[in-house]
Amino acid sequence: MVLLTSSEFLTQVTILAQKVRSQSAFTITFKQYDGIDKPKPRAGKPQHLESNENYCLIRMKAKNKKLSTVVKKSDISKFMESYGKIMKANMDGLKKIKRVKNKSKALQG
């Protein structure tokens, strides 16, 4: 998995979304991240310093390509604005869901 800066991640998301538009799909996940990469030590060993800053780990997977980035809590609003614009631009190929009404609901009103 490749860890990128947020701006590089957004450009790669745009490129990959356009590549896989007709062939396959991609997934993006968001996860809270505390910045600690190593597991907590057992009792009697020195402890890690706790970080006060919260982060968001964002991952993208398309076929065999994996990307990720870490965004600070203070920068998440700017990132989500840009991410929203990219998703709106690339979501034009979605299929409309056919909904079937229940007979009981149709009879009531």
PDB file of N, CA and C in Angstrom:
ATOM      1  N   MET A   1       0.849  -1.171   0.000  1.00  0.00           N
ATOM      2  CA  MET A   1       0.000   0.000   0.000  1.00  0.00           C
ATOM      3  C   MET A   1       0.896   1.236   0.000  1.00  0.00           C
ATOM      4  N   VAL A   2       0.545   2.208  -0.787  1.00  0.00           N
ATOM      5  CA  VAL A   2       1.341   3.411  -0.947  1.00  0.00           C
ATOM      6  C   VAL A   2       0.713   4.534  -0.124  1.00  0.00           C
ATOM      7  N   LEU A   3       1.500   5.147   0.749  1.00  0.00           N
ATOM      8  CA  LEU A   3       1.017   6.266   1.557  1.00  0.00           C
ATOM      9  C   LEU A   3       1.393   7.568   0.850  1.00  0.00           C
ATOM     10  N   LEU A   4       0.373   8.344   0.482  1.00  0.00           N
ATOM     11  CA  LEU A   4       0.570   9.584  -0.268  1.00  0.00           C
ATOM     12  C   LEU A   4       0.131  10.778   0.553  1.00  0.00           C
ATOM     13  N   THR A   5       0.505  11.966   0.111  1.00  0.00           N
ATOM     14  CA  THR A   5      -0.041  13.185   0.706  1.00  0.00           C
ATOM     15  C   THR A   5      -1.484  13.317   0.224  1.00  0.00           C
ATOM     16  N   SER A   6      -2.251  14.174   0.866  1.00  0.00           N
ATOM     17  CA  SER A   6      -3.672  14.277   0.527  1.00  0.00           C
ATOM     18  C   SER A   6      -3.895  14.793  -0.899  1.00  0.00           C
ATOM     19  N   SER A   7      -3.084  15.730  -1.365  1.00  0.00           N
ATOM     20  CA  SER A   7      -3.266  16.248  -2.726  1.00  0.00           C
ATOM     21  C   SER A   7      -2.894  15.198  -3.777  1.00  0.00           C
ATOM     22  N   GLU A   8      -1.814  14.458  -3.527  1.00  0.00           N
ATOM     23  CA  GLU A   8      -1.426  13.385  -4.448  1.00  0.00           C
ATOM     24  C   GLU A   8      -2.480  12.286  -4.464  1.00  0.00           C
ATOM     25  N   PHE A   9      -3.036  11.990  -3.294  1.00  0.00           N
ATOM     26  CA  PHE A   9      -4.075  10.961  -3.184  1.00  0.00           C
ATOM     27  C   PHE A   9      -5.298  11.337  -4.016  1.00  0.00           C
ATOM     28  N   LEU A  10      -5.718  12.592  -3.925  1.00  0.00           N
ATOM     29  CA  LEU A  10      -6.891  13.036  -4.682  1.00  0.00           C
ATOM     30  C   LEU A  10      -6.654  12.971  -6.190  1.00  0.00           C
ATOM     31  N   THR A  11      -5.455  13.311  -6.641  1.00  0.00           N
ATOM     32  CA  THR A  11      -5.173  13.208  -8.078  1.00  0.00           C
ATOM     33  C   THR A  11      -5.155  11.751  -8.521  1.00  0.00           C
ATOM     34  N   GLN A  12      -4.611  10.863  -7.698  1.00  0.00           N
ATOM     35  CA  GLN A  12      -4.592   9.441  -8.042  1.00  0.00           C
ATOM     36  C   GLN A  12      -6.000   8.843  -8.019  1.00  0.00           C
ATOM     37  N   VAL A  13      -6.847   9.307  -7.100  1.00  0.00           N
ATOM     38  CA  VAL A  13      -8.244   8.853  -7.062  1.00  0.00           C
ATOM     39  C   VAL A  13      -8.941   9.238  -8.362  1.00  0.00           C
ATOM     40  N   THR A  14      -8.715  10.454  -8.825  1.00  0.00           N
ATOM     41  CA  THR A  14      -9.317  10.911 -10.072  1.00  0.00           C
ATOM     42  C   THR A  14      -8.865  10.040 -11.243  1.00  0.00           C
ATOM     43  N   ILE A  15      -7.580   9.781 -11.321  1.00  0.00           N
ATOM     44  CA  ILE A  15      -7.038   8.981 -12.423  1.00  0.00           C
ATOM     45  C   ILE A  15      -7.577   7.552 -12.383  1.00  0.00           C
ATOM     46  N   LEU A  16      -7.553   6.934 -11.209  1.00  0.00           N
ATOM     47  CA  LEU A  16      -8.021   5.556 -11.099  1.00  0.00           C
ATOM     48  C   LEU A  16      -9.524   5.434 -11.323  1.00  0.00           C
ATOM     49  N   ALA A  17     -10.279   6.400 -10.863  1.00  0.00           N
ATOM     50  CA  ALA A  17     -11.730   6.363 -11.054  1.00  0.00           C
ATOM     51  C   ALA A  17     -12.083   6.424 -12.535  1.00  0.00           C
ATOM     52  N   GLN A  18     -11.347   7.203 -13.303  1.00  0.00           N
ATOM     53  CA  GLN A  18     -11.597   7.277 -14.737  1.00  0.00           C
ATOM     54  C   GLN A  18     -11.149   6.007 -15.454  1.00  0.00           C
ATOM     55  N   LYS A  19     -10.073   5.369 -14.968  1.00  0.00           N
ATOM     56  CA  LYS A  19      -9.593   4.136 -15.589  1.00  0.00           C
ATOM     57  C   LYS A  19     -10.577   2.979 -15.396  1.00  0.00           C
ATOM     58  N   VAL A  20     -11.115   2.849 -14.189  1.00  0.00           N
ATOM     59  CA  VAL A  20     -11.967   1.699 -13.876  1.00  0.00           C
ATOM     60  C   VAL A  20     -13.453   1.961 -14.123  1.00  0.00           C
ATOM     61  N   ARG A  21     -13.774   3.077 -14.689  1.00  0.00           N
ATOM     62  CA  ARG A  21     -15.176   3.457 -14.886  1.00  0.00           C
ATOM     63  C   ARG A  21     -15.970   2.393 -15.627  1.00  0.00           C
ATOM     64  N   SER A  22     -15.461   1.882 -16.723  1.00  0.00           N
ATOM     65  CA  SER A  22     -16.222   0.926 -17.525  1.00  0.00           C
ATOM     66  C   SER A  22     -15.922  -0.526 -17.177  1.00  0.00           C
ATOM     67  N   GLN A  23     -14.748  -0.799 -16.614  1.00  0.00           N
ATOM     68  CA  GLN A  23     -14.334  -2.178 -16.393  1.00  0.00           C
ATOM     69  C   GLN A  23     -14.760  -2.757 -15.052  1.00  0.00           C
ATOM     70  N   SER A  24     -14.479  -2.060 -13.981  1.00  0.00           N
ATOM     71  CA  SER A  24     -14.701  -2.624 -12.655  1.00  0.00           C
ATOM     72  C   SER A  24     -15.086  -1.528 -11.675  1.00  0.00           C
ATOM     73  N   ALA A  25     -14.912  -1.794 -10.379  1.00  0.00           N
ATOM     74  CA  ALA A  25     -15.297  -0.847  -9.337  1.00  0.00           C
ATOM     75  C   ALA A  25     -14.096  -0.564  -8.436  1.00  0.00           C
ATOM     76  N   PHE A  26     -14.258   0.435  -7.581  1.00  0.00           N
ATOM     77  CA  PHE A  26     -13.238   0.729  -6.587  1.00  0.00           C
ATOM     78  C   PHE A  26     -13.923   1.015  -5.263  1.00  0.00           C
ATOM     79  N   THR A  27     -13.195   0.818  -4.181  1.00  0.00           N
ATOM     80  CA  THR A  27     -13.736   1.078  -2.851  1.00  0.00           C
ATOM     81  C   THR A  27     -12.849   2.072  -2.127  1.00  0.00           C
ATOM     82  N   ILE A  28     -13.486   2.909  -1.335  1.00  0.00           N
ATOM     83  CA  ILE A  28     -12.758   3.870  -0.504  1.00  0.00           C
ATOM     84  C   ILE A  28     -13.262   3.699   0.919  1.00  0.00           C
ATOM     85  N   THR A  29     -12.331   3.575   1.855  1.00  0.00           N
ATOM     86  CA  THR A  29     -12.702   3.405   3.259  1.00  0.00           C
ATOM     87  C   THR A  29     -12.086   4.519   4.092  1.00  0.00           C
ATOM     88  N   PHE A  30     -12.799   4.905   5.140  1.00  0.00           N
ATOM     89  CA  PHE A  30     -12.352   5.922   6.083  1.00  0.00           C
ATOM     90  C   PHE A  30     -12.263   5.266   7.456  1.00  0.00           C
ATOM     91  N   LYS A  31     -11.190   5.557   8.177  1.00  0.00           N
ATOM     92  CA  LYS A  31     -10.984   4.944   9.474  1.00  0.00           C
ATOM     93  C   LYS A  31     -10.282   5.933  10.394  1.00  0.00           C
ATOM     94  N   GLN A  32     -10.683   5.951  11.665  1.00  0.00           N
ATOM     95  CA  GLN A  32      -9.998   6.795  12.638  1.00  0.00           C
ATOM     96  C   GLN A  32      -8.609   6.215  12.888  1.00  0.00           C
ATOM     97  N   TYR A  33      -7.618   7.093  12.968  1.00  0.00           N
ATOM     98  CA  TYR A  33      -6.227   6.671  13.097  1.00  0.00           C
ATOM     99  C   TYR A  33      -5.569   7.507  14.176  1.00  0.00           C
ATOM    100  N   ASP A  34      -4.893   6.857  15.118  1.00  0.00           N
ATOM    101  CA  ASP A  34      -4.293   7.590  16.229  1.00  0.00           C
ATOM    102  C   ASP A  34      -2.821   7.925  16.017  1.00  0.00           C
ATOM    103  N   GLY A  35      -2.218   7.480  14.921  1.00  0.00           N
ATOM    104  CA  GLY A  35      -0.838   7.811  14.617  1.00  0.00           C
ATOM    105  C   GLY A  35       0.183   6.842  15.171  1.00  0.00           C
ATOM    106  N   ILE A  36      -0.261   5.833  15.917  1.00  0.00           N
ATOM    107  CA  ILE A  36       0.643   4.846  16.487  1.00  0.00           C
ATOM    108  C   ILE A  36       0.662   3.628  15.570  1.00  0.00           C
ATOM    109  N   ASP A  37       1.834   3.285  15.051  1.00  0.00           N
ATOM    110  CA  ASP A  37       1.968   2.162  14.131  1.00  0.00           C
ATOM    111  C   ASP A  37       2.309   0.854  14.835  1.00  0.00           C
ATOM    112  N   LYS A  38       2.918   0.941  15.992  1.00  0.00           N
ATOM    113  CA  LYS A  38       3.360  -0.256  16.691  1.00  0.00           C
ATOM    114  C   LYS A  38       2.337  -0.648  17.750  1.00  0.00           C
ATOM    115  N   PRO A  39       2.232  -1.933  18.076  1.00  0.00           N
ATOM    116  CA  PRO A  39       1.296  -2.362  19.120  1.00  0.00           C
ATOM    117  C   PRO A  39       1.739  -1.883  20.496  1.00  0.00           C
ATOM    118  N   LYS A  40       0.806  -1.828  21.433  1.00  0.00           N
ATOM    119  CA  LYS A  40       1.128  -1.398  22.791  1.00  0.00           C
ATOM    120  C   LYS A  40       1.988  -2.460  23.477  1.00  0.00           C
ATOM    121  N   PRO A  41       3.016  -2.036  24.250  1.00  0.00           N
ATOM    122  CA  PRO A  41       3.895  -3.006  24.897  1.00  0.00           C
ATOM    123  C   PRO A  41       3.207  -3.709  26.068  1.00  0.00           C
ATOM    124  N   ARG A  42       3.761  -4.834  26.452  1.00  0.00           N
ATOM    125  CA  ARG A  42       3.237  -5.588  27.588  1.00  0.00           C
ATOM    126  C   ARG A  42       3.556  -4.870  28.882  1.00  0.00           C
ATOM    127  N   ALA A  43       2.967  -5.360  29.993  1.00  0.00           N
ATOM    128  CA  ALA A  43       3.181  -4.753  31.305  1.00  0.00           C
ATOM    129  C   ALA A  43       4.663  -4.846  31.689  1.00  0.00           C
ATOM    130  N   GLY A  44       5.193  -3.784  32.263  1.00  0.00           N
ATOM    131  CA  GLY A  44       6.573  -3.764  32.701  1.00  0.00           C
ATOM    132  C   GLY A  44       7.541  -3.192  31.679  1.00  0.00           C
ATOM    133  N   LYS A  45       7.065  -2.884  30.476  1.00  0.00           N
ATOM    134  CA  LYS A  45       7.926  -2.317  29.430  1.00  0.00           C
ATOM    135  C   LYS A  45       7.557  -0.843  29.239  1.00  0.00           C
ATOM    136  N   PRO A  46       8.471  -0.028  28.674  1.00  0.00           N
ATOM    137  CA  PRO A  46       8.144   1.397  28.476  1.00  0.00           C
ATOM    138  C   PRO A  46       6.963   1.582  27.530  1.00  0.00           C
ATOM    139  N   GLN A  47       6.135   2.555  27.832  1.00  0.00           N
ATOM    140  CA  GLN A  47       4.919   2.806  27.061  1.00  0.00           C
ATOM    141  C   GLN A  47       5.157   3.887  26.017  1.00  0.00           C
ATOM    142  N   HIS A  48       4.336   3.853  24.967  1.00  0.00           N
ATOM    143  CA  HIS A  48       4.390   4.896  23.939  1.00  0.00           C
ATOM    144  C   HIS A  48       3.792   6.179  24.487  1.00  0.00           C
ATOM    145  N   LEU A  49       4.230   7.287  23.940  1.00  0.00           N
ATOM    146  CA  LEU A  49       3.602   8.554  24.285  1.00  0.00           C
ATOM    147  C   LEU A  49       2.300   8.663  23.494  1.00  0.00           C
ATOM    148  N   GLU A  50       1.234   9.025  24.153  1.00  0.00           N
ATOM    149  CA  GLU A  50      -0.062   9.164  23.492  1.00  0.00           C
ATOM    150  C   GLU A  50      -0.094  10.473  22.711  1.00  0.00           C
ATOM    151  N   SER A  51      -0.587  10.423  21.496  1.00  0.00           N
ATOM    152  CA  SER A  51      -0.697  11.646  20.693  1.00  0.00           C
ATOM    153  C   SER A  51      -2.070  12.271  20.940  1.00  0.00           C
ATOM    154  N   ASN A  52      -2.105  13.579  21.030  1.00  0.00           N
ATOM    155  CA  ASN A  52      -3.355  14.287  21.274  1.00  0.00           C
ATOM    156  C   ASN A  52      -4.102  14.583  19.985  1.00  0.00           C
ATOM    157  N   GLU A  53      -3.429  14.458  18.867  1.00  0.00           N
ATOM    158  CA  GLU A  53      -4.026  14.789  17.577  1.00  0.00           C
ATOM    159  C   GLU A  53      -4.685  13.554  16.973  1.00  0.00           C
ATOM    160  N   ASN A  54      -5.890  13.718  16.460  1.00  0.00           N
ATOM    161  CA  ASN A  54      -6.590  12.627  15.789  1.00  0.00           C
ATOM    162  C   ASN A  54      -6.405  12.760  14.291  1.00  0.00           C
ATOM    163  N   TYR A  55      -6.349  11.630  13.619  1.00  0.00           N
ATOM    164  CA  TYR A  55      -6.176  11.586  12.179  1.00  0.00           C
ATOM    165  C   TYR A  55      -7.271  10.725  11.565  1.00  0.00           C
ATOM    166  N   CYS A  56      -7.368  10.805  10.254  1.00  0.00           N
ATOM    167  CA  CYS A  56      -8.281   9.964   9.499  1.00  0.00           C
ATOM    168  C   CYS A  56      -7.456   9.237   8.436  1.00  0.00           C
ATOM    169  N   LEU A  57      -7.518   7.909   8.452  1.00  0.00           N
ATOM    170  CA  LEU A  57      -6.817   7.092   7.472  1.00  0.00           C
ATOM    171  C   LEU A  57      -7.796   6.790   6.346  1.00  0.00           C
ATOM    172  N   ILE A  58      -7.423   7.124   5.130  1.00  0.00           N
ATOM    173  CA  ILE A  58      -8.297   6.941   3.975  1.00  0.00           C
ATOM    174  C   ILE A  58      -7.592   6.011   2.996  1.00  0.00           C
ATOM    175  N   ARG A  59      -8.280   4.941   2.618  1.00  0.00           N
ATOM    176  CA  ARG A  59      -7.702   3.951   1.716  1.00  0.00           C
ATOM    177  C   ARG A  59      -8.572   3.798   0.479  1.00  0.00           C
ATOM    178  N   MET A  60      -7.910   3.541  -0.655  1.00  0.00           N
ATOM    179  CA  MET A  60      -8.613   3.272  -1.904  1.00  0.00           C
ATOM    180  C   MET A  60      -8.060   1.995  -2.490  1.00  0.00           C
ATOM    181  N   LYS A  61      -8.950   1.143  -2.970  1.00  0.00           N
ATOM    182  CA  LYS A  61      -8.534  -0.100  -3.609  1.00  0.00           C
ATOM    183  C   LYS A  61      -9.288  -0.249  -4.918  1.00  0.00           C
ATOM    184  N   ALA A  62      -8.541  -0.435  -6.004  1.00  0.00           N
ATOM    185  CA  ALA A  62      -9.113  -0.676  -7.321  1.00  0.00           C
ATOM    186  C   ALA A  62      -8.326  -1.812  -7.958  1.00  0.00           C
ATOM    187  N   LYS A  63      -8.986  -2.928  -8.185  1.00  0.00           N
ATOM    188  CA  LYS A  63      -8.349  -4.145  -8.712  1.00  0.00           C
ATOM    189  C   LYS A  63      -7.112  -4.486  -7.906  1.00  0.00           C
ATOM    190  N   ASN A  64      -5.932  -4.279  -8.440  1.00  0.00           N
ATOM    191  CA  ASN A  64      -4.707  -4.617  -7.713  1.00  0.00           C
ATOM    192  C   ASN A  64      -3.914  -3.385  -7.286  1.00  0.00           C
ATOM    193  N   LYS A  65      -4.509  -2.222  -7.343  1.00  0.00           N
ATOM    194  CA  LYS A  65      -3.845  -0.974  -6.958  1.00  0.00           C
ATOM    195  C   LYS A  65      -4.417  -0.506  -5.622  1.00  0.00           C
ATOM    196  N   LYS A  66      -3.534  -0.209  -4.668  1.00  0.00           N
ATOM    197  CA  LYS A  66      -3.954   0.257  -3.350  1.00  0.00           C
ATOM    198  C   LYS A  66      -3.255   1.578  -3.036  1.00  0.00           C
ATOM    199  N   LEU A  67      -4.039   2.543  -2.554  1.00  0.00           N
ATOM    200  CA  LEU A  67      -3.509   3.844  -2.166  1.00  0.00           C
ATOM    201  C   LEU A  67      -4.032   4.198  -0.785  1.00  0.00           C
ATOM    202  N   SER A  68      -3.300   5.026  -0.054  1.00  0.00           N
ATOM    203  CA  SER A  68      -3.780   5.489   1.238  1.00  0.00           C
ATOM    204  C   SER A  68      -3.192   6.853   1.559  1.00  0.00           C
ATOM    205  N   THR A  69      -3.862   7.545   2.456  1.00  0.00           N
ATOM    206  CA  THR A  69      -3.386   8.831   2.939  1.00  0.00           C
ATOM    207  C   THR A  69      -3.873   9.030   4.370  1.00  0.00           C
ATOM    208  N   VAL A  70      -3.195   9.904   5.088  1.00  0.00           N
ATOM    209  CA  VAL A  70      -3.574  10.257   6.446  1.00  0.00           C
ATOM    210  C   VAL A  70      -3.845  11.750   6.460  1.00  0.00           C
ATOM    211  N   VAL A  71      -5.037  12.123   6.960  1.00  0.00           N
ATOM    212  CA  VAL A  71      -5.448  13.523   6.983  1.00  0.00           C
ATOM    213  C   VAL A  71      -5.672  13.937   8.435  1.00  0.00           C
ATOM    214  N   LYS A  72      -5.163  15.101   8.812  1.00  0.00           N
ATOM    215  CA  LYS A  72      -5.367  15.619  10.168  1.00  0.00           C
ATOM    216  C   LYS A  72      -6.820  16.022  10.361  1.00  0.00           C
ATOM    217  N   LYS A  73      -7.249  16.030  11.598  1.00  0.00           N
ATOM    218  CA  LYS A  73      -8.627  16.386  11.930  1.00  0.00           C
ATOM    219  C   LYS A  73      -8.938  17.819  11.497  1.00  0.00           C
ATOM    220  N   SER A  74      -7.964  18.708  11.598  1.00  0.00           N
ATOM    221  CA  SER A  74      -8.186  20.108  11.237  1.00  0.00           C
ATOM    222  C   SER A  74      -8.301  20.307   9.724  1.00  0.00           C
ATOM    223  N   ASP A  75      -7.736  19.410   8.929  1.00  0.00           N
ATOM    224  CA  ASP A  75      -7.757  19.540   7.471  1.00  0.00           C
ATOM    225  C   ASP A  75      -8.842  18.709   6.803  1.00  0.00           C
ATOM    226  N   ILE A  76      -9.647  18.013   7.579  1.00  0.00           N
ATOM    227  CA  ILE A  76     -10.603  17.067   6.997  1.00  0.00           C
ATOM    228  C   ILE A  76     -11.696  17.781   6.197  1.00  0.00           C
ATOM    229  N   SER A  77     -12.107  18.967   6.592  1.00  0.00           N
ATOM    230  CA  SER A  77     -13.179  19.657   5.854  1.00  0.00           C
ATOM    231  C   SER A  77     -12.725  20.047   4.448  1.00  0.00           C
ATOM    232  N   LYS A  78     -11.505  20.538   4.307  1.00  0.00           N
ATOM    233  CA  LYS A  78     -10.977  20.886   2.983  1.00  0.00           C
ATOM    234  C   LYS A  78     -10.838  19.636   2.113  1.00  0.00           C
ATOM    235  N   PHE A  79     -10.352  18.562   2.724  1.00  0.00           N
ATOM    236  CA  PHE A  79     -10.175  17.313   1.987  1.00  0.00           C
ATOM    237  C   PHE A  79     -11.523  16.767   1.514  1.00  0.00           C
ATOM    238  N   MET A  80     -12.528  16.793   2.378  1.00  0.00           N
ATOM    239  CA  MET A  80     -13.839  16.244   2.024  1.00  0.00           C
ATOM    240  C   MET A  80     -14.522  17.070   0.936  1.00  0.00           C
ATOM    241  N   GLU A  81     -14.279  18.367   0.910  1.00  0.00           N
ATOM    242  CA  GLU A  81     -14.811  19.205  -0.171  1.00  0.00           C
ATOM    243  C   GLU A  81     -14.250  18.763  -1.517  1.00  0.00           C
ATOM    244  N   SER A  82     -12.939  18.600  -1.573  1.00  0.00           N
ATOM    245  CA  SER A  82     -12.295  18.162  -2.814  1.00  0.00           C
ATOM    246  C   SER A  82     -12.710  16.746  -3.179  1.00  0.00           C
ATOM    247  N   TYR A  83     -12.795  15.886  -2.189  1.00  0.00           N
ATOM    248  CA  TYR A  83     -13.203  14.499  -2.408  1.00  0.00           C
ATOM    249  C   TYR A  83     -14.637  14.437  -2.942  1.00  0.00           C
ATOM    250  N   GLY A  84     -15.514  15.259  -2.393  1.00  0.00           N
ATOM    251  CA  GLY A  84     -16.904  15.305  -2.859  1.00  0.00           C
ATOM    252  C   GLY A  84     -17.015  15.727  -4.318  1.00  0.00           C
ATOM    253  N   LYS A  85     -16.222  16.709  -4.711  1.00  0.00           N
ATOM    254  CA  LYS A  85     -16.229  17.154  -6.109  1.00  0.00           C
ATOM    255  C   LYS A  85     -15.765  16.047  -7.044  1.00  0.00           C
ATOM    256  N   ILE A  86     -14.740  15.323  -6.638  1.00  0.00           N
ATOM    257  CA  ILE A  86     -14.225  14.222  -7.461  1.00  0.00           C
ATOM    258  C   ILE A  86     -15.274  13.125  -7.587  1.00  0.00           C
ATOM    259  N   MET A  87     -15.925  12.788  -6.486  1.00  0.00           N
ATOM    260  CA  MET A  87     -16.938  11.723  -6.521  1.00  0.00           C
ATOM    261  C   MET A  87     -18.144  12.123  -7.372  1.00  0.00           C
ATOM    262  N   LYS A  88     -18.569  13.371  -7.284  1.00  0.00           N
ATOM    263  CA  LYS A  88     -19.692  13.832  -8.109  1.00  0.00           C
ATOM    264  C   LYS A  88     -19.352  13.757  -9.594  1.00  0.00           C
ATOM    265  N   ALA A  89     -18.113  14.059  -9.930  1.00  0.00           N
ATOM    266  CA  ALA A  89     -17.692  14.027 -11.324  1.00  0.00           C
ATOM    267  C   ALA A  89     -17.592  12.601 -11.864  1.00  0.00           C
ATOM    268  N   ASN A  90     -17.310  11.632 -10.993  1.00  0.00           N
ATOM    269  CA  ASN A  90     -17.087  10.262 -11.442  1.00  0.00           C
ATOM    270  C   ASN A  90     -18.250   9.312 -11.177  1.00  0.00           C
ATOM    271  N   MET A  91     -19.358   9.790 -10.650  1.00  0.00           N
ATOM    272  CA  MET A  91     -20.486   8.921 -10.337  1.00  0.00           C
ATOM    273  C   MET A  91     -21.597   8.996 -11.371  1.00  0.00           C
ATOM    274  N   ASP A  92     -21.291   9.284 -12.599  1.00  0.00           N
ATOM    275  CA  ASP A  92     -22.344   9.409 -13.591  1.00  0.00           C
ATOM    276  C   ASP A  92     -22.773   8.073 -14.183  1.00  0.00           C
ATOM    277  N   GLY A  93     -22.062   7.006 -13.922  1.00  0.00           N
ATOM    278  CA  GLY A  93     -22.406   5.709 -14.499  1.00  0.00           C
ATOM    279  C   GLY A  93     -23.182   4.809 -13.561  1.00  0.00           C
ATOM    280  N   LEU A  94     -23.765   5.354 -12.501  1.00  0.00           N
ATOM    281  CA  LEU A  94     -24.497   4.535 -11.545  1.00  0.00           C
ATOM    282  C   LEU A  94     -25.822   4.062 -12.128  1.00  0.00           C
ATOM    283  N   LYS A  95     -26.213   2.848 -11.773  1.00  0.00           N
ATOM    284  CA  LYS A  95     -27.481   2.295 -12.240  1.00  0.00           C
ATOM    285  C   LYS A  95     -28.591   2.686 -11.281  1.00  0.00           C
ATOM    286  N   LYS A  96     -29.769   2.964 -11.836  1.00  0.00           N
ATOM    287  CA  LYS A  96     -30.899   3.323 -11.019  1.00  0.00           C
ATOM    288  C   LYS A  96     -31.511   2.062 -10.422  1.00  0.00           C
ATOM    289  N   ILE A  97     -31.849   2.110  -9.144  1.00  0.00           N
ATOM    290  CA  ILE A  97     -32.423   0.963  -8.454  1.00  0.00           C
ATOM    291  C   ILE A  97     -33.924   0.917  -8.725  1.00  0.00           C
ATOM    292  N   LYS A  98     -34.413  -0.252  -9.126  1.00  0.00           N
ATOM    293  CA  LYS A  98     -35.846  -0.423  -9.337  1.00  0.00           C
ATOM    294  C   LYS A  98     -36.484  -0.801  -8.019  1.00  0.00           C
ATOM    295  N   ARG A  99     -37.451  -0.035  -7.587  1.00  0.00           N
ATOM    296  CA  ARG A  99     -38.113  -0.281  -6.315  1.00  0.00           C
ATOM    297  C   ARG A  99     -39.483  -0.881  -6.554  1.00  0.00           C
ATOM    298  N   VAL A 100     -39.787  -1.896  -5.796  1.00  0.00           N
ATOM    299  CA  VAL A 100     -41.074  -2.560  -5.901  1.00  0.00           C
ATOM    300  C   VAL A 100     -41.886  -2.190  -4.670  1.00  0.00           C
ATOM    301  N   LYS A 101     -43.081  -1.662  -4.888  1.00  0.00           N
ATOM    302  CA  LYS A 101     -43.943  -1.305  -3.773  1.00  0.00           C
ATOM    303  C   LYS A 101     -44.599  -2.569  -3.224  1.00  0.00           C
ATOM    304  N   ASN A 102     -44.732  -2.587  -1.925  1.00  0.00           N
ATOM    305  CA  ASN A 102     -45.468  -3.687  -1.302  1.00  0.00           C
ATOM    306  C   ASN A 102     -46.952  -3.549  -1.596  1.00  0.00           C
ATOM    307  N   LYS A 103     -47.649  -4.659  -1.701  1.00  0.00           N
ATOM    308  CA  LYS A 103     -49.086  -4.621  -1.968  1.00  0.00           C
ATOM    309  C   LYS A 103     -49.841  -3.964  -0.820  1.00  0.00           C
ATOM    310  N   SER A 104     -49.397  -4.219   0.400  1.00  0.00           N
ATOM    311  CA  SER A 104     -50.097  -3.651   1.562  1.00  0.00           C
ATOM    312  C   SER A 104     -49.963  -2.127   1.585  1.00  0.00           C
ATOM    313  N   LYS A 105     -48.822  -1.603   1.253  1.00  0.00           N
ATOM    314  CA  LYS A 105     -48.629  -0.159   1.234  1.00  0.00           C
ATOM    315  C   LYS A 105     -49.402   0.471   0.085  1.00  0.00           C
ATOM    316  N   ALA A 106     -49.481  -0.207  -1.047  1.00  0.00           N
ATOM    317  CA  ALA A 106     -50.202   0.315  -2.187  1.00  0.00           C
ATOM    318  C   ALA A 106     -51.685   0.361  -1.916  1.00  0.00           C
ATOM    319  N   LEU A 107     -52.196  -0.603  -1.202  1.00  0.00           N
ATOM    320  CA  LEU A 107     -53.639  -0.630  -0.900  1.00  0.00           C
ATOM    321  C   LEU A 107     -54.025   0.428   0.133  1.00  0.00           C
ATOM    322  N   GLN A 108     -53.129   0.731   1.059  1.00  0.00           N
ATOM    323  CA  GLN A 108     -53.437   1.704   2.117  1.00  0.00           C
ATOM    324  C   GLN A 108     -53.468   3.136   1.604  1.00  0.00           C
ATOM    325  N   GLY A 109     -52.663   3.457   0.670  1.00  0.00           N
ATOM    326  CA  GLY A 109     -52.695   4.857   0.283  1.00  0.00           C
ATOM    327  C   GLY A 109     -51.822   5.140  -0.819  1.00  0.00           C
TER     328      GLY A 109
END
